[in-house]
Amino acid sequence: MKLKQTNNPLTPSMVDDLRLAASKMTGAERRSFQAEMCLKYCGGSARQTEIVFGWGRKNVQLGLHPRFRTSKSSIKYYKPGVNN
């Protein structure tokens, strides 16, 4: 997959490594990781993250959402069907 040239400090090898790391994670952990990489390398732009890493923009946006930028135990509280 050929990625669009952007103004980021990442080499293609580094992008591949970060994509591999994300692929080993699931759910909230993966979205949180993708959001951190978005903030660090793409200025918080989910669209730019989609271009650079090829990750789904909606997943990155969900990871950036403040409600989900907490611990995993807090995220469980927001699952549908859970009544606390």
Protein backbone atom coordinates (compact mmCIF):
# COMPACT_ATOMS: atom_id res chain seq x y z
CA MET A 1 0.00 0.00 0.00
CA LYS A 2 1.51 3.30 -1.07
CA LEU A 3 1.01 6.10 1.42
CA LYS A 4 0.73 9.79 0.64
CA GLN A 5 3.83 11.85 1.44
CA THR A 6 3.37 13.91 4.62
CA ASN A 7 5.41 16.17 6.88
CA ASN A 8 6.13 13.67 9.62
CA PRO A 9 9.43 12.45 11.05
CA LEU A 10 8.59 8.78 10.47
CA THR A 11 10.43 6.57 8.04
CA PRO A 12 8.47 3.89 6.17
CA SER A 13 10.11 1.29 8.41
CA MET A 14 8.91 3.09 11.54
CA VAL A 15 5.37 3.31 10.14
CA ASP A 16 5.45 -0.44 9.46
CA ASP A 17 6.62 -1.12 13.02
CA LEU A 18 3.86 1.01 14.55
CA ARG A 19 1.25 -0.64 12.33
CA LEU A 20 2.50 -4.06 13.41
CA ALA A 21 2.35 -3.05 17.08
CA ALA A 22 -1.24 -1.85 16.67
CA SER A 23 -2.21 -5.07 14.90
CA LYS A 24 -1.19 -7.07 17.99
CA MET A 25 -3.66 -5.11 20.16
CA THR A 26 -7.44 -5.26 20.32
CA GLY A 27 -10.33 -3.01 21.24
CA ALA A 28 -9.79 -0.10 23.60
CA GLU A 29 -6.07 -0.78 23.88
CA ARG A 30 -5.63 -0.50 20.10
CA ARG A 31 -7.75 2.66 19.83
CA SER A 32 -5.81 4.25 22.68
CA PHE A 33 -2.49 3.42 21.01
CA GLN A 34 -3.70 4.77 17.67
CA ALA A 35 -4.89 7.96 19.37
CA GLU A 36 -1.50 8.43 21.05
CA MET A 37 0.29 8.03 17.70
CA CYS A 38 -2.21 10.46 16.17
CA LEU A 39 -1.40 13.07 18.80
CA LYS A 40 2.34 12.46 18.65
CA TYR A 41 2.94 12.26 14.90
CA CYS A 42 -0.11 13.72 13.17
CA GLY A 43 -1.00 16.74 15.27
CA GLY A 44 -4.20 15.14 16.55
CA SER A 45 -5.68 14.80 13.05
CA ALA A 46 -7.51 11.51 12.56
CA ARG A 47 -7.57 12.15 8.80
CA GLN A 48 -3.78 12.58 8.70
CA THR A 49 -3.39 9.43 10.80
CA GLU A 50 -5.53 7.56 8.29
CA ILE A 51 -3.24 8.73 5.48
CA VAL A 52 0.03 8.00 7.29
CA PHE A 53 -0.78 4.70 9.01
CA GLY A 54 -3.77 3.42 7.06
CA TRP A 55 -5.82 3.06 10.26
CA GLY A 56 -9.56 3.70 10.21
CA ARG A 57 -10.35 7.32 10.93
CA LYS A 58 -13.39 6.45 13.04
CA ASN A 59 -11.32 4.18 15.30
CA VAL A 60 -8.77 6.94 15.81
CA GLN A 61 -11.53 9.48 16.52
CA LEU A 62 -13.06 7.13 19.05
CA GLY A 63 -9.67 6.71 20.74
CA LEU A 64 -9.27 10.50 20.85
CA HIS A 65 -12.66 10.97 22.52
CA PRO A 66 -12.13 12.05 26.17
CA ARG A 67 -14.61 9.50 27.47
CA PHE A 68 -12.39 6.69 26.20
CA ARG A 69 -9.04 8.17 27.18
CA THR A 70 -9.24 6.71 30.66
CA SER A 71 -8.48 3.35 32.19
CA LYS A 72 -10.03 0.17 30.83
CA SER A 73 -12.22 -0.18 33.91
CA SER A 74 -13.82 3.19 33.15
CA ILE A 75 -14.46 2.16 29.57
CA LYS A 76 -16.41 -0.88 30.74
CA TYR A 77 -18.82 1.49 32.46
CA TYR A 78 -19.85 2.95 29.08
CA LYS A 79 -20.63 -0.35 27.37
CA PRO A 80 -24.22 -0.62 26.17
CA GLY A 81 -26.47 -2.77 28.32
CA VAL A 82 -24.46 -2.31 31.51
CA ASN A 83 -26.56 -0.89 34.31
CA ASN A 84 -24.63 0.40 37.30
